[in-house]
């Protein structure tokens, strides 16, 4: 018999390189508030296609995925990178079963980017979202304000 002692609340997750991620290019429509032409949203949503998404305009930005049909989601992975500016970013991740008419917050989090050591924020969430029709990510790139543009290196969903 094989057994393993686990701590309460501890969950096993598949390593990212072995995870089968959803093909968002074919499963969802994307709505977003702004996009830099050199850093389109496809760069963050489709694997191995570029340097990630960046907004064209400064300030709070929203990326909304509207799925063609309801999905059961078990994992969400976000990667943010900042190599130029020290700042505190806040993001809110929420979901809906009715295309956004009602939303449920998954997480609200702040992260301090401080150069040169803290330039990457990788968030990996194990979730149980049944009937998901919309996933929304709102990013406030600098809670102190200013001309900072939001960015997202990657968003993966399984």
N, C-alpha and C. Protein backbone atom coordinates (compact mmCIF):
# COMPACT_ATOMS: atom_id res chain seq x y z
N UNK A 1 0.85 -1.18 0.00
CA UNK A 1 0.00 0.00 0.00
C UNK A 1 0.89 1.23 0.00
N UNK A 2 0.56 2.20 -0.83
CA UNK A 2 1.27 3.47 -0.86
C UNK A 2 0.44 4.50 -0.13
N UNK A 3 1.06 5.26 0.71
CA UNK A 3 0.34 6.35 1.36
C UNK A 3 1.25 7.53 1.56
N UNK A 4 0.59 8.69 1.74
CA UNK A 4 1.32 9.93 1.91
C UNK A 4 0.53 10.81 2.86
N UNK A 5 1.20 11.38 3.81
CA UNK A 5 0.56 12.31 4.74
C UNK A 5 0.54 13.68 4.08
N UNK A 6 -0.63 14.28 4.02
CA UNK A 6 -0.76 15.62 3.47
C UNK A 6 -1.35 16.53 4.54
N UNK A 7 -1.07 17.79 4.42
CA UNK A 7 -1.60 18.77 5.36
C UNK A 7 -2.97 19.20 4.89
N UNK A 8 -3.84 19.54 5.83
CA UNK A 8 -5.18 20.00 5.48
C UNK A 8 -5.09 21.18 4.54
N UNK A 9 -5.88 21.15 3.48
CA UNK A 9 -5.89 22.23 2.50
C UNK A 9 -4.84 22.07 1.42
N UNK A 10 -3.91 21.12 1.59
CA UNK A 10 -2.86 20.91 0.58
C UNK A 10 -3.47 20.19 -0.61
N UNK A 11 -3.22 20.71 -1.78
CA UNK A 11 -3.74 20.12 -3.00
C UNK A 11 -2.60 19.81 -3.94
N UNK A 12 -2.69 18.66 -4.59
CA UNK A 12 -1.69 18.35 -5.61
C UNK A 12 -2.10 19.03 -6.89
N UNK A 13 -1.13 19.52 -7.63
CA UNK A 13 -1.43 20.09 -8.93
C UNK A 13 -0.44 19.54 -9.95
N UNK A 14 -0.88 19.46 -11.16
CA UNK A 14 -0.06 18.99 -12.25
C UNK A 14 0.98 20.07 -12.55
N UNK A 15 2.25 19.69 -12.74
CA UNK A 15 3.23 20.71 -13.13
C UNK A 15 2.79 21.41 -14.40
N UNK A 16 3.08 22.71 -14.49
CA UNK A 16 2.62 23.53 -15.62
C UNK A 16 3.02 22.94 -16.96
N UNK A 17 4.23 22.36 -17.04
CA UNK A 17 4.68 21.84 -18.33
C UNK A 17 3.91 20.58 -18.75
N UNK A 18 3.25 19.90 -17.81
CA UNK A 18 2.46 18.71 -18.13
C UNK A 18 0.96 18.99 -18.23
N UNK A 19 0.55 20.19 -17.88
CA UNK A 19 -0.86 20.56 -17.88
C UNK A 19 -1.37 20.70 -19.31
N UNK A 20 -2.58 20.24 -19.55
CA UNK A 20 -3.23 20.46 -20.84
C UNK A 20 -4.07 21.73 -20.69
N UNK A 21 -3.60 22.80 -21.32
CA UNK A 21 -4.26 24.10 -21.22
C UNK A 21 -5.31 24.23 -22.31
N UNK A 22 -6.36 24.99 -22.04
CA UNK A 22 -7.41 25.22 -23.04
C UNK A 22 -6.88 26.04 -24.21
N UNK A 23 -7.38 25.75 -25.38
CA UNK A 23 -7.04 26.49 -26.60
C UNK A 23 -7.96 27.72 -26.67
N UNK A 24 -7.57 28.78 -26.00
CA UNK A 24 -8.43 29.96 -25.88
C UNK A 24 -8.69 30.62 -27.23
N UNK A 25 -7.78 30.45 -28.16
CA UNK A 25 -7.93 31.02 -29.49
C UNK A 25 -9.21 30.54 -30.17
N UNK A 26 -9.61 29.30 -29.89
CA UNK A 26 -10.79 28.72 -30.53
C UNK A 26 -12.01 28.60 -29.62
N UNK A 27 -11.85 28.87 -28.34
CA UNK A 27 -12.94 28.65 -27.39
C UNK A 27 -13.58 29.92 -26.85
N UNK A 28 -12.92 31.07 -27.05
CA UNK A 28 -13.43 32.28 -26.41
C UNK A 28 -13.20 33.51 -27.27
N UNK A 29 -14.06 34.49 -27.04
CA UNK A 29 -13.91 35.83 -27.62
C UNK A 29 -13.27 36.69 -26.53
N UNK A 30 -12.40 37.61 -26.92
CA UNK A 30 -11.72 38.47 -25.96
C UNK A 30 -12.22 39.91 -26.10
N UNK A 31 -12.55 40.52 -24.97
CA UNK A 31 -12.84 41.95 -24.91
C UNK A 31 -11.78 42.58 -24.03
N UNK A 32 -11.24 43.73 -24.46
CA UNK A 32 -10.24 44.39 -23.65
C UNK A 32 -10.33 45.89 -23.83
N UNK A 33 -9.86 46.61 -22.83
CA UNK A 33 -10.02 48.06 -22.82
C UNK A 33 -8.95 48.78 -23.64
N UNK A 34 -7.81 48.11 -23.88
CA UNK A 34 -6.72 48.77 -24.58
C UNK A 34 -5.71 47.72 -25.02
N UNK A 35 -4.97 48.03 -26.10
CA UNK A 35 -3.97 47.08 -26.58
C UNK A 35 -2.89 47.80 -27.36
N UNK A 36 -1.64 47.57 -26.98
CA UNK A 36 -0.48 48.07 -27.72
C UNK A 36 -0.33 47.18 -28.96
N UNK A 37 -0.23 47.77 -30.14
CA UNK A 37 -0.16 47.00 -31.38
C UNK A 37 1.04 46.05 -31.41
N UNK A 38 2.12 46.40 -30.71
CA UNK A 38 3.31 45.55 -30.68
C UNK A 38 3.22 44.44 -29.63
N UNK A 39 2.21 44.51 -28.77
CA UNK A 39 2.02 43.52 -27.70
C UNK A 39 0.53 43.13 -27.63
N UNK A 40 0.02 42.44 -28.66
CA UNK A 40 -1.40 42.10 -28.70
C UNK A 40 -1.77 41.02 -27.68
N UNK A 41 -3.03 40.92 -27.35
CA UNK A 41 -3.51 39.97 -26.35
C UNK A 41 -3.20 38.53 -26.72
N UNK A 42 -3.14 38.23 -28.01
CA UNK A 42 -2.81 36.87 -28.44
C UNK A 42 -1.47 36.42 -27.88
N UNK A 43 -0.56 37.36 -27.70
CA UNK A 43 0.77 37.03 -27.17
C UNK A 43 0.72 36.51 -25.74
N UNK A 44 -0.32 36.83 -24.99
CA UNK A 44 -0.47 36.34 -23.62
C UNK A 44 -1.35 35.10 -23.54
N UNK A 45 -2.25 34.93 -24.51
CA UNK A 45 -3.22 33.84 -24.44
C UNK A 45 -2.84 32.59 -25.22
N UNK A 46 -2.05 32.75 -26.27
CA UNK A 46 -1.68 31.62 -27.11
C UNK A 46 -0.21 31.31 -26.84
N UNK A 47 0.07 30.07 -26.49
CA UNK A 47 1.43 29.69 -26.10
C UNK A 47 2.45 29.93 -27.20
N UNK A 48 3.62 30.41 -26.79
CA UNK A 48 4.77 30.60 -27.68
C UNK A 48 4.49 31.53 -28.86
N UNK A 49 3.77 32.63 -28.60
CA UNK A 49 3.45 33.55 -29.71
C UNK A 49 3.98 34.96 -29.51
N UNK A 50 4.75 35.21 -28.48
CA UNK A 50 5.28 36.57 -28.33
C UNK A 50 5.66 36.93 -26.92
N UNK A 51 5.73 38.22 -26.69
CA UNK A 51 6.22 38.76 -25.43
C UNK A 51 5.12 39.11 -24.44
N UNK A 52 3.89 38.75 -24.73
CA UNK A 52 2.80 39.07 -23.83
C UNK A 52 2.05 40.33 -24.25
N UNK A 53 0.97 40.60 -23.53
CA UNK A 53 0.09 41.74 -23.82
C UNK A 53 0.54 42.96 -23.02
N UNK A 54 0.30 44.13 -23.61
CA UNK A 54 0.50 45.39 -22.89
C UNK A 54 -0.58 46.36 -23.37
N UNK A 55 -1.07 47.17 -22.45
CA UNK A 55 -2.09 48.15 -22.80
C UNK A 55 -1.48 49.32 -23.58
N UNK A 56 -2.28 49.95 -24.37
CA UNK A 56 -1.84 51.14 -25.10
C UNK A 56 -1.90 52.36 -24.19
N UNK A 57 -2.88 52.36 -23.29
CA UNK A 57 -3.11 53.51 -22.41
C UNK A 57 -2.76 53.17 -20.96
N UNK A 58 -2.35 54.16 -20.18
CA UNK A 58 -2.05 53.92 -18.77
C UNK A 58 -3.33 53.73 -17.96
N UNK A 59 -3.16 53.24 -16.74
CA UNK A 59 -4.27 53.09 -15.82
C UNK A 59 -4.89 51.71 -15.83
N UNK A 60 -5.99 51.59 -15.10
CA UNK A 60 -6.68 50.32 -14.93
C UNK A 60 -7.14 49.77 -16.28
N UNK A 61 -6.96 48.46 -16.47
CA UNK A 61 -7.33 47.79 -17.71
C UNK A 61 -8.10 46.51 -17.40
N UNK A 62 -8.92 46.10 -18.36
CA UNK A 62 -9.71 44.88 -18.21
C UNK A 62 -9.53 43.99 -19.41
N UNK A 63 -9.36 42.70 -19.12
CA UNK A 63 -9.33 41.65 -20.15
C UNK A 63 -10.47 40.70 -19.80
N UNK A 64 -11.37 40.49 -20.73
CA UNK A 64 -12.54 39.65 -20.48
C UNK A 64 -12.59 38.54 -21.53
N UNK A 65 -12.65 37.29 -21.07
CA UNK A 65 -12.81 36.15 -21.96
C UNK A 65 -14.25 35.70 -21.91
N UNK A 66 -14.91 35.69 -23.06
CA UNK A 66 -16.30 35.23 -23.17
C UNK A 66 -16.29 33.90 -23.92
N UNK A 67 -16.64 32.84 -23.23
CA UNK A 67 -16.57 31.50 -23.81
C UNK A 67 -17.81 31.20 -24.64
N UNK A 68 -17.58 30.49 -25.75
CA UNK A 68 -18.67 30.15 -26.66
C UNK A 68 -19.67 29.22 -26.01
N UNK A 69 -19.22 28.37 -25.11
CA UNK A 69 -20.11 27.48 -24.35
C UNK A 69 -19.56 27.35 -22.94
N UNK A 70 -20.38 26.99 -21.98
CA UNK A 70 -19.92 26.88 -20.59
C UNK A 70 -18.80 25.84 -20.44
N UNK A 71 -17.86 26.14 -19.54
CA UNK A 71 -16.72 25.25 -19.29
C UNK A 71 -16.57 24.97 -17.81
N UNK A 72 -15.96 23.84 -17.52
CA UNK A 72 -15.54 23.50 -16.17
C UNK A 72 -14.05 23.79 -16.10
N UNK A 73 -13.66 24.68 -15.20
CA UNK A 73 -12.27 25.13 -15.09
C UNK A 73 -11.70 24.64 -13.76
N UNK A 74 -10.48 24.10 -13.81
CA UNK A 74 -9.85 23.60 -12.59
C UNK A 74 -8.55 24.33 -12.23
N UNK A 75 -8.02 25.10 -13.18
CA UNK A 75 -6.75 25.77 -12.91
C UNK A 75 -6.64 27.05 -13.73
N UNK A 76 -6.10 28.09 -13.10
CA UNK A 76 -5.83 29.36 -13.77
C UNK A 76 -4.42 29.78 -13.39
N UNK A 77 -3.64 30.13 -14.41
CA UNK A 77 -2.27 30.56 -14.16
C UNK A 77 -2.04 31.91 -14.82
N UNK A 78 -1.52 32.85 -14.05
CA UNK A 78 -1.21 34.20 -14.52
C UNK A 78 0.28 34.46 -14.33
N UNK A 79 0.90 35.11 -15.30
CA UNK A 79 2.29 35.52 -15.17
C UNK A 79 2.40 36.98 -15.55
N UNK A 80 2.96 37.76 -14.62
CA UNK A 80 3.23 39.18 -14.84
C UNK A 80 4.73 39.38 -14.76
N UNK A 81 5.28 40.23 -15.61
CA UNK A 81 6.71 40.55 -15.57
C UNK A 81 6.89 42.06 -15.65
N UNK A 82 7.86 42.57 -14.89
CA UNK A 82 8.17 44.00 -14.90
C UNK A 82 9.67 44.16 -14.72
N UNK A 83 10.33 44.68 -15.74
CA UNK A 83 11.79 44.83 -15.72
C UNK A 83 12.25 46.28 -15.75
N UNK A 84 11.31 47.23 -15.69
CA UNK A 84 11.67 48.64 -15.86
C UNK A 84 11.31 49.54 -14.69
N UNK A 85 10.23 49.25 -13.97
CA UNK A 85 9.69 50.20 -13.01
C UNK A 85 9.29 49.51 -11.71
N UNK A 86 9.73 50.09 -10.59
CA UNK A 86 9.26 49.60 -9.29
C UNK A 86 7.86 50.13 -9.07
N UNK A 87 6.96 49.22 -8.70
CA UNK A 87 5.56 49.61 -8.54
C UNK A 87 4.81 48.55 -7.77
N UNK A 88 3.63 48.91 -7.28
CA UNK A 88 2.72 47.95 -6.66
C UNK A 88 1.51 47.82 -7.57
N UNK A 89 1.31 46.61 -8.05
CA UNK A 89 0.20 46.32 -8.96
C UNK A 89 -0.90 45.60 -8.18
N UNK A 90 -2.13 45.83 -8.58
CA UNK A 90 -3.26 45.07 -8.04
C UNK A 90 -4.02 44.46 -9.20
N UNK A 91 -4.44 43.21 -9.03
CA UNK A 91 -5.32 42.61 -10.02
C UNK A 91 -6.49 41.94 -9.32
N UNK A 92 -7.59 41.84 -10.06
CA UNK A 92 -8.79 41.16 -9.59
C UNK A 92 -9.19 40.17 -10.68
N UNK A 93 -9.37 38.93 -10.28
CA UNK A 93 -9.80 37.88 -11.19
C UNK A 93 -11.20 37.45 -10.77
N UNK A 94 -12.15 37.50 -11.71
CA UNK A 94 -13.52 37.12 -11.39
C UNK A 94 -14.11 36.27 -12.51
N UNK A 95 -15.22 35.61 -12.22
CA UNK A 95 -15.84 34.72 -13.19
C UNK A 95 -17.35 34.83 -13.12
N UNK A 96 -17.99 34.25 -14.14
CA UNK A 96 -19.44 34.32 -14.24
C UNK A 96 -19.98 33.09 -14.97
N UNK A 97 -21.20 32.74 -14.64
CA UNK A 97 -21.90 31.66 -15.36
C UNK A 97 -22.97 32.23 -16.30
N UNK A 98 -23.13 33.57 -16.30
CA UNK A 98 -24.17 34.20 -17.11
C UNK A 98 -23.61 35.36 -17.93
N UNK A 99 -22.42 35.15 -18.50
CA UNK A 99 -21.75 36.13 -19.37
C UNK A 99 -21.52 37.49 -18.71
N UNK A 100 -21.37 37.49 -17.41
CA UNK A 100 -21.01 38.71 -16.71
C UNK A 100 -22.14 39.45 -16.04
N UNK A 101 -23.38 38.97 -16.17
CA UNK A 101 -24.49 39.64 -15.51
C UNK A 101 -24.28 39.64 -13.99
N UNK A 102 -23.79 38.52 -13.46
CA UNK A 102 -23.36 38.44 -12.07
C UNK A 102 -21.94 37.90 -12.06
N UNK A 103 -21.09 38.49 -11.23
CA UNK A 103 -19.69 38.09 -11.18
C UNK A 103 -19.32 37.64 -9.78
N UNK A 104 -18.39 36.68 -9.73
CA UNK A 104 -17.90 36.15 -8.46
C UNK A 104 -16.38 36.33 -8.44
N UNK A 105 -15.90 36.99 -7.41
CA UNK A 105 -14.47 37.25 -7.31
C UNK A 105 -13.73 35.98 -6.90
N UNK A 106 -12.67 35.66 -7.63
CA UNK A 106 -11.81 34.54 -7.30
C UNK A 106 -10.70 35.01 -6.38
N UNK A 107 -10.05 36.10 -6.78
CA UNK A 107 -8.93 36.62 -5.99
C UNK A 107 -8.73 38.10 -6.30
N UNK A 108 -8.29 38.82 -5.29
CA UNK A 108 -7.85 40.22 -5.41
C UNK A 108 -6.48 40.25 -4.75
N UNK A 109 -5.48 40.66 -5.50
CA UNK A 109 -4.13 40.57 -4.96
C UNK A 109 -3.27 41.75 -5.39
N UNK A 110 -2.38 42.15 -4.50
CA UNK A 110 -1.38 43.16 -4.81
C UNK A 110 -0.01 42.51 -4.81
N UNK A 111 0.88 43.07 -5.64
CA UNK A 111 2.25 42.55 -5.72
C UNK A 111 3.20 43.72 -5.91
N UNK A 112 4.31 43.69 -5.19
CA UNK A 112 5.33 44.73 -5.31
C UNK A 112 6.44 44.26 -6.25
N UNK A 113 6.57 44.95 -7.37
CA UNK A 113 7.71 44.73 -8.26
C UNK A 113 8.82 45.62 -7.76
N UNK A 114 9.97 45.03 -7.42
CA UNK A 114 11.12 45.83 -6.98
C UNK A 114 12.35 45.28 -7.69
N UNK A 115 12.96 46.15 -8.47
CA UNK A 115 14.10 45.76 -9.29
C UNK A 115 15.36 45.67 -8.44
N UNK A 116 16.26 44.77 -8.71
CA UNK A 116 16.27 43.80 -9.80
C UNK A 116 15.75 42.43 -9.40
N UNK A 117 15.37 42.24 -8.12
CA UNK A 117 15.05 40.90 -7.63
C UNK A 117 13.62 40.42 -7.87
N UNK A 118 12.65 41.28 -7.68
CA UNK A 118 11.24 40.87 -7.81
C UNK A 118 10.66 41.43 -9.10
N UNK A 119 10.90 40.73 -10.19
CA UNK A 119 10.44 41.20 -11.50
C UNK A 119 9.39 40.28 -12.12
N UNK A 120 9.10 39.16 -11.46
CA UNK A 120 8.11 38.20 -11.98
C UNK A 120 7.10 37.85 -10.89
N UNK A 121 5.84 37.82 -11.27
CA UNK A 121 4.78 37.38 -10.38
C UNK A 121 4.04 36.25 -11.09
N UNK A 122 4.17 35.04 -10.59
CA UNK A 122 3.48 33.88 -11.13
C UNK A 122 2.42 33.45 -10.13
N UNK A 123 1.18 33.48 -10.56
CA UNK A 123 0.06 33.06 -9.72
C UNK A 123 -0.55 31.81 -10.34
N UNK A 124 -0.77 30.80 -9.53
CA UNK A 124 -1.28 29.51 -10.00
C UNK A 124 -2.41 29.09 -9.06
N UNK A 125 -3.63 29.13 -9.56
CA UNK A 125 -4.80 28.87 -8.73
C UNK A 125 -5.48 27.56 -9.12
N UNK A 126 -5.74 26.73 -8.12
CA UNK A 126 -6.57 25.54 -8.31
C UNK A 126 -7.98 25.96 -7.94
N UNK A 127 -8.91 25.79 -8.88
CA UNK A 127 -10.28 26.25 -8.70
C UNK A 127 -11.26 25.15 -9.11
N UNK A 128 -12.51 25.33 -8.75
CA UNK A 128 -13.60 24.47 -9.21
C UNK A 128 -14.70 25.38 -9.72
N UNK A 129 -14.62 25.74 -10.99
CA UNK A 129 -15.59 26.65 -11.59
C UNK A 129 -16.39 25.88 -12.63
N UNK A 130 -17.65 25.61 -12.32
CA UNK A 130 -18.51 24.86 -13.22
C UNK A 130 -19.45 25.80 -13.96
N UNK A 131 -19.57 25.60 -15.26
CA UNK A 131 -20.46 26.42 -16.06
C UNK A 131 -19.92 27.80 -16.37
N UNK A 132 -18.60 27.99 -16.30
CA UNK A 132 -17.98 29.28 -16.56
C UNK A 132 -18.26 29.74 -17.99
N UNK A 133 -18.78 30.95 -18.13
CA UNK A 133 -18.99 31.54 -19.45
C UNK A 133 -18.15 32.80 -19.64
N UNK A 134 -17.65 33.36 -18.52
CA UNK A 134 -16.84 34.57 -18.60
C UNK A 134 -15.77 34.55 -17.51
N UNK A 135 -14.56 34.94 -17.91
CA UNK A 135 -13.47 35.13 -16.96
C UNK A 135 -12.94 36.53 -17.19
N UNK A 136 -12.82 37.31 -16.11
CA UNK A 136 -12.39 38.70 -16.25
C UNK A 136 -11.19 38.97 -15.36
N UNK A 137 -10.19 39.63 -15.95
CA UNK A 137 -9.00 40.07 -15.23
C UNK A 137 -8.92 41.58 -15.32
N UNK A 138 -8.97 42.25 -14.16
CA UNK A 138 -8.80 43.70 -14.09
C UNK A 138 -7.45 43.97 -13.46
N UNK A 139 -6.67 44.82 -14.10
CA UNK A 139 -5.31 45.12 -13.63
C UNK A 139 -5.17 46.62 -13.38
N UNK A 140 -4.79 46.97 -12.17
CA UNK A 140 -4.37 48.34 -11.86
C UNK A 140 -2.85 48.26 -11.78
N UNK A 141 -2.15 48.76 -12.81
CA UNK A 141 -0.71 48.53 -12.90
C UNK A 141 0.11 49.21 -11.82
N UNK A 142 -0.40 50.32 -11.28
CA UNK A 142 0.31 51.02 -10.21
C UNK A 142 -0.73 51.66 -9.31
N UNK A 143 -0.88 51.13 -8.10
CA UNK A 143 -1.93 51.65 -7.22
C UNK A 143 -1.66 53.09 -6.79
N UNK A 144 -0.44 53.58 -7.02
CA UNK A 144 -0.11 54.98 -6.73
C UNK A 144 -0.49 55.91 -7.86
N UNK A 145 -0.98 55.34 -8.97
CA UNK A 145 -1.37 56.16 -10.12
C UNK A 145 -0.22 56.34 -11.09
N UNK A 146 -0.29 57.39 -11.86
CA UNK A 146 0.78 57.67 -12.82
C UNK A 146 0.47 57.13 -14.20
N UNK A 147 1.49 57.10 -15.03
CA UNK A 147 1.36 56.75 -16.44
C UNK A 147 1.73 55.31 -16.75
N UNK A 148 1.73 54.44 -15.76
CA UNK A 148 2.12 53.05 -15.95
C UNK A 148 1.09 52.31 -16.79
N UNK A 149 1.58 51.52 -17.73
CA UNK A 149 0.70 50.70 -18.56
C UNK A 149 0.66 49.27 -18.03
N UNK A 150 -0.51 48.68 -18.08
CA UNK A 150 -0.69 47.31 -17.61
C UNK A 150 -0.07 46.34 -18.61
N UNK A 151 0.35 45.20 -18.08
CA UNK A 151 0.88 44.14 -18.94
C UNK A 151 0.56 42.78 -18.34
N UNK A 152 0.60 41.77 -19.20
CA UNK A 152 0.35 40.40 -18.80
C UNK A 152 1.20 39.51 -19.69
N UNK A 153 2.13 38.77 -19.10
CA UNK A 153 3.00 37.91 -19.90
C UNK A 153 2.25 36.68 -20.40
N UNK A 154 1.41 36.09 -19.52
CA UNK A 154 0.61 34.95 -19.98
C UNK A 154 -0.57 34.68 -19.06
N UNK A 155 -1.60 34.11 -19.67
CA UNK A 155 -2.79 33.64 -18.97
C UNK A 155 -3.08 32.27 -19.53
N UNK A 156 -3.12 31.26 -18.65
CA UNK A 156 -3.40 29.88 -19.03
C UNK A 156 -4.58 29.39 -18.21
N UNK A 157 -5.44 28.59 -18.84
CA UNK A 157 -6.62 28.06 -18.18
C UNK A 157 -6.75 26.57 -18.50
N UNK A 158 -7.07 25.79 -17.50
CA UNK A 158 -7.28 24.35 -17.72
C UNK A 158 -8.57 23.91 -17.02
